[in-house]
């Protein structure tokens, strides 16, 4: 994994930034789930679905161009590379 990408992932989790996954076919959106572990005082992050529950398409979790996380379901373009997301009509 690229060192910069690792730092971005680490800092985004540390800063409690929300991440989303979006269906490129029908537009279904899902926020990443998190669960607090009291004993270790950390959040555990998880995705509820790998495939869209509405149409069955694989959900996109990152920019297809630069692999940056999707930080807003309303975003029309990637904040890192500026490329328009393919699911934006």
N, C-alpha and C. Protein backbone atom coordinates (compact mmCIF):
# COMPACT_ATOMS: atom_id res chain seq x y z
N UNK A 1 0.85 -1.19 0.00
CA UNK A 1 0.00 0.00 0.00
C UNK A 1 0.89 1.24 0.00
N UNK A 2 0.52 2.20 -0.80
CA UNK A 2 1.23 3.47 -0.89
C UNK A 2 1.28 4.12 0.51
N UNK A 3 2.45 4.69 0.86
CA UNK A 3 2.63 5.29 2.18
C UNK A 3 1.66 6.45 2.40
N UNK A 4 1.47 7.30 1.37
CA UNK A 4 0.55 8.42 1.48
C UNK A 4 -0.88 7.94 1.72
N UNK A 5 -1.30 6.92 0.96
CA UNK A 5 -2.64 6.37 1.12
C UNK A 5 -2.83 5.81 2.52
N UNK A 6 -1.79 5.13 3.04
CA UNK A 6 -1.86 4.60 4.40
C UNK A 6 -2.06 5.73 5.41
N UNK A 7 -1.32 6.84 5.25
CA UNK A 7 -1.46 7.97 6.16
C UNK A 7 -2.87 8.58 6.08
N UNK A 8 -3.40 8.70 4.87
CA UNK A 8 -4.74 9.26 4.71
C UNK A 8 -5.77 8.37 5.41
N UNK A 9 -5.66 7.05 5.21
CA UNK A 9 -6.59 6.13 5.86
C UNK A 9 -6.46 6.19 7.38
N UNK A 10 -5.22 6.23 7.87
CA UNK A 10 -4.99 6.27 9.31
C UNK A 10 -5.55 7.56 9.90
N UNK A 11 -5.22 8.70 9.29
CA UNK A 11 -5.69 9.98 9.81
C UNK A 11 -7.20 10.13 9.71
N UNK A 12 -7.80 9.63 8.63
CA UNK A 12 -9.25 9.75 8.50
C UNK A 12 -9.95 8.95 9.59
N UNK A 13 -9.41 7.81 9.96
CA UNK A 13 -10.00 7.04 11.05
C UNK A 13 -9.76 7.72 12.39
N UNK A 14 -8.58 8.29 12.56
CA UNK A 14 -8.25 8.99 13.80
C UNK A 14 -9.14 10.22 13.99
N UNK A 15 -9.40 10.94 12.90
CA UNK A 15 -10.21 12.15 12.96
C UNK A 15 -11.70 11.86 12.88
N UNK A 16 -12.06 10.59 12.75
CA UNK A 16 -13.47 10.18 12.76
C UNK A 16 -14.23 10.71 11.54
N UNK A 17 -13.59 10.67 10.38
CA UNK A 17 -14.22 11.11 9.13
C UNK A 17 -15.12 9.99 8.61
N UNK A 18 -16.28 10.34 8.16
CA UNK A 18 -17.23 9.37 7.61
C UNK A 18 -16.82 8.97 6.20
N UNK A 19 -17.03 7.71 5.86
CA UNK A 19 -16.77 7.20 4.52
C UNK A 19 -18.05 6.55 4.00
N UNK A 20 -18.21 6.57 2.68
CA UNK A 20 -19.42 6.05 2.06
C UNK A 20 -19.07 5.10 0.93
N UNK A 21 -20.03 4.27 0.59
CA UNK A 21 -19.93 3.47 -0.63
C UNK A 21 -21.22 3.70 -1.42
N UNK A 22 -21.06 3.71 -2.74
CA UNK A 22 -22.17 4.07 -3.64
C UNK A 22 -22.28 3.04 -4.75
N UNK A 23 -23.52 2.73 -5.11
CA UNK A 23 -23.75 1.82 -6.24
C UNK A 23 -23.63 2.62 -7.54
N UNK A 24 -22.71 2.22 -8.42
CA UNK A 24 -22.57 2.94 -9.69
C UNK A 24 -23.75 2.74 -10.65
N UNK A 25 -24.58 1.74 -10.38
CA UNK A 25 -25.71 1.43 -11.26
C UNK A 25 -26.97 2.21 -10.87
N UNK A 26 -27.39 2.09 -9.60
CA UNK A 26 -28.67 2.69 -9.20
C UNK A 26 -28.53 3.88 -8.24
N UNK A 27 -27.32 4.15 -7.73
CA UNK A 27 -27.12 5.30 -6.85
C UNK A 27 -27.35 5.03 -5.37
N UNK A 28 -27.58 3.77 -4.97
CA UNK A 28 -27.75 3.44 -3.55
C UNK A 28 -26.53 3.93 -2.77
N UNK A 29 -26.75 4.50 -1.58
CA UNK A 29 -25.66 5.03 -0.75
C UNK A 29 -25.67 4.37 0.61
N UNK A 30 -24.47 4.14 1.15
CA UNK A 30 -24.37 3.52 2.47
C UNK A 30 -23.17 4.11 3.21
N UNK A 31 -23.41 4.54 4.45
CA UNK A 31 -22.33 5.05 5.28
C UNK A 31 -21.62 3.88 5.96
N UNK A 32 -20.32 4.02 6.15
CA UNK A 32 -19.56 2.97 6.81
C UNK A 32 -20.00 2.90 8.28
N UNK A 33 -20.24 1.67 8.75
CA UNK A 33 -20.64 1.48 10.13
C UNK A 33 -19.44 1.51 11.06
N UNK A 34 -19.70 1.79 12.32
CA UNK A 34 -18.63 1.76 13.31
C UNK A 34 -19.19 1.28 14.64
N UNK A 35 -18.34 0.63 15.38
CA UNK A 35 -18.74 0.08 16.67
C UNK A 35 -17.64 0.44 17.68
N UNK A 36 -18.01 0.96 18.83
CA UNK A 36 -17.07 1.37 19.87
C UNK A 36 -16.70 0.17 20.74
N UNK A 37 -15.42 -0.06 20.89
CA UNK A 37 -14.95 -1.12 21.79
C UNK A 37 -14.49 -0.45 23.08
N UNK A 38 -15.26 -0.65 24.13
CA UNK A 38 -15.01 0.04 25.39
C UNK A 38 -13.68 -0.37 26.03
N UNK A 39 -13.36 -1.65 25.93
CA UNK A 39 -12.15 -2.14 26.59
C UNK A 39 -10.87 -1.52 26.02
N UNK A 40 -10.80 -1.43 24.71
CA UNK A 40 -9.59 -0.88 24.07
C UNK A 40 -9.74 0.60 23.73
N UNK A 41 -10.95 1.16 23.90
CA UNK A 41 -11.23 2.57 23.64
C UNK A 41 -10.94 2.95 22.18
N UNK A 42 -11.42 2.13 21.25
CA UNK A 42 -11.23 2.39 19.82
C UNK A 42 -12.51 2.06 19.07
N UNK A 43 -12.65 2.64 17.89
CA UNK A 43 -13.75 2.29 17.00
C UNK A 43 -13.31 1.19 16.06
N UNK A 44 -14.21 0.28 15.76
CA UNK A 44 -14.01 -0.73 14.73
C UNK A 44 -14.94 -0.36 13.59
N UNK A 45 -14.39 -0.27 12.38
CA UNK A 45 -15.16 0.13 11.21
C UNK A 45 -15.51 -1.09 10.39
N UNK A 46 -16.69 -1.06 9.76
CA UNK A 46 -17.13 -2.20 8.95
C UNK A 46 -18.10 -1.72 7.89
N UNK A 47 -18.21 -2.51 6.83
CA UNK A 47 -19.20 -2.27 5.78
C UNK A 47 -20.32 -3.29 5.94
N UNK A 48 -21.55 -2.85 5.83
CA UNK A 48 -22.70 -3.75 5.97
C UNK A 48 -22.90 -4.62 4.73
N UNK A 49 -22.61 -4.08 3.56
CA UNK A 49 -22.84 -4.80 2.30
C UNK A 49 -21.64 -4.65 1.37
N UNK A 50 -21.37 -5.68 0.60
CA UNK A 50 -20.37 -5.60 -0.47
C UNK A 50 -21.06 -5.32 -1.80
N UNK A 51 -22.30 -5.80 -1.91
CA UNK A 51 -23.09 -5.61 -3.13
C UNK A 51 -24.33 -4.80 -2.80
N UNK A 52 -24.82 -4.09 -3.78
CA UNK A 52 -26.01 -3.26 -3.61
C UNK A 52 -27.22 -4.12 -3.26
N UNK A 53 -27.95 -3.79 -2.18
CA UNK A 53 -29.14 -4.57 -1.83
C UNK A 53 -30.32 -4.32 -2.78
N UNK A 54 -30.24 -3.27 -3.59
CA UNK A 54 -31.33 -2.96 -4.52
C UNK A 54 -31.16 -3.61 -5.88
N UNK A 55 -29.92 -3.62 -6.41
CA UNK A 55 -29.74 -4.14 -7.78
C UNK A 55 -28.66 -5.21 -7.89
N UNK A 56 -27.86 -5.43 -6.84
CA UNK A 56 -26.86 -6.48 -6.86
C UNK A 56 -25.49 -6.09 -7.39
N UNK A 57 -25.33 -4.87 -7.86
CA UNK A 57 -24.04 -4.38 -8.39
C UNK A 57 -23.03 -4.22 -7.24
N UNK A 58 -21.74 -4.40 -7.52
CA UNK A 58 -20.70 -4.21 -6.51
C UNK A 58 -20.63 -2.73 -6.15
N UNK A 59 -20.61 -2.41 -4.85
CA UNK A 59 -20.58 -1.03 -4.38
C UNK A 59 -19.18 -0.45 -4.50
N UNK A 60 -19.09 0.82 -4.91
CA UNK A 60 -17.82 1.53 -5.02
C UNK A 60 -17.51 2.19 -3.69
N UNK A 61 -16.32 1.93 -3.14
CA UNK A 61 -15.91 2.50 -1.86
C UNK A 61 -14.88 3.59 -2.02
N UNK A 62 -14.33 3.71 -3.20
CA UNK A 62 -13.27 4.69 -3.42
C UNK A 62 -13.31 5.18 -4.87
N UNK A 63 -12.56 6.22 -5.12
CA UNK A 63 -12.44 6.78 -6.46
C UNK A 63 -11.80 5.74 -7.37
N UNK A 64 -12.39 5.46 -8.52
CA UNK A 64 -11.80 4.47 -9.42
C UNK A 64 -10.47 4.93 -10.03
N UNK A 65 -10.20 6.23 -10.00
CA UNK A 65 -8.97 6.75 -10.58
C UNK A 65 -7.80 6.74 -9.59
N UNK A 66 -8.01 7.27 -8.36
CA UNK A 66 -6.89 7.42 -7.41
C UNK A 66 -7.06 6.62 -6.12
N UNK A 67 -8.19 5.93 -5.96
CA UNK A 67 -8.47 5.08 -4.80
C UNK A 67 -8.71 5.86 -3.50
N UNK A 68 -8.97 7.16 -3.58
CA UNK A 68 -9.29 7.95 -2.38
C UNK A 68 -10.68 7.58 -1.89
N UNK A 69 -10.89 7.62 -0.57
CA UNK A 69 -12.19 7.31 0.01
C UNK A 69 -13.26 8.28 -0.48
N UNK A 70 -14.50 7.80 -0.53
CA UNK A 70 -15.64 8.65 -0.85
C UNK A 70 -16.11 9.24 0.48
N UNK A 71 -15.92 10.55 0.65
CA UNK A 71 -16.20 11.19 1.93
C UNK A 71 -17.57 11.85 1.99
N UNK A 72 -18.24 11.97 0.84
CA UNK A 72 -19.57 12.56 0.81
C UNK A 72 -20.39 11.88 -0.28
N UNK A 73 -21.59 11.43 0.04
CA UNK A 73 -22.41 10.79 -1.00
C UNK A 73 -22.92 11.78 -2.04
N UNK A 74 -22.90 13.07 -1.74
CA UNK A 74 -23.37 14.08 -2.68
C UNK A 74 -22.26 14.60 -3.59
N UNK A 75 -21.01 14.20 -3.35
CA UNK A 75 -19.88 14.70 -4.14
C UNK A 75 -20.02 14.28 -5.60
N UNK A 76 -19.71 15.20 -6.49
CA UNK A 76 -19.78 14.92 -7.92
C UNK A 76 -18.42 14.53 -8.48
N UNK A 77 -17.36 14.93 -7.76
CA UNK A 77 -16.01 14.61 -8.21
C UNK A 77 -15.12 14.29 -7.02
N UNK A 78 -14.03 13.61 -7.28
CA UNK A 78 -13.10 13.20 -6.23
C UNK A 78 -12.35 14.43 -5.69
N UNK A 79 -12.28 14.59 -4.36
CA UNK A 79 -11.56 15.74 -3.80
C UNK A 79 -10.04 15.63 -3.97
N UNK A 80 -9.54 14.43 -4.22
CA UNK A 80 -8.09 14.23 -4.36
C UNK A 80 -7.61 14.50 -5.79
N UNK A 81 -8.23 13.83 -6.78
CA UNK A 81 -7.74 13.94 -8.16
C UNK A 81 -8.61 14.83 -9.05
N UNK A 82 -9.82 15.16 -8.60
CA UNK A 82 -10.70 16.04 -9.36
C UNK A 82 -11.50 15.38 -10.47
N UNK A 83 -11.33 14.07 -10.65
CA UNK A 83 -12.08 13.38 -11.70
C UNK A 83 -13.53 13.20 -11.28
N UNK A 84 -14.45 13.41 -12.23
CA UNK A 84 -15.87 13.21 -11.96
C UNK A 84 -16.13 11.73 -11.74
N UNK A 85 -16.92 11.42 -10.71
CA UNK A 85 -17.25 10.02 -10.43
C UNK A 85 -18.08 9.45 -11.57
N UNK A 86 -17.87 8.19 -11.94
CA UNK A 86 -18.60 7.60 -13.08
C UNK A 86 -20.10 7.45 -12.84
N UNK A 87 -20.55 7.44 -11.60
CA UNK A 87 -21.97 7.25 -11.32
C UNK A 87 -22.74 8.57 -11.32
N UNK A 88 -22.04 9.70 -11.47
CA UNK A 88 -22.71 10.99 -11.54
C UNK A 88 -23.31 11.15 -12.93
N UNK A 89 -24.60 11.42 -12.98
CA UNK A 89 -25.30 11.56 -14.27
C UNK A 89 -25.22 12.98 -14.76
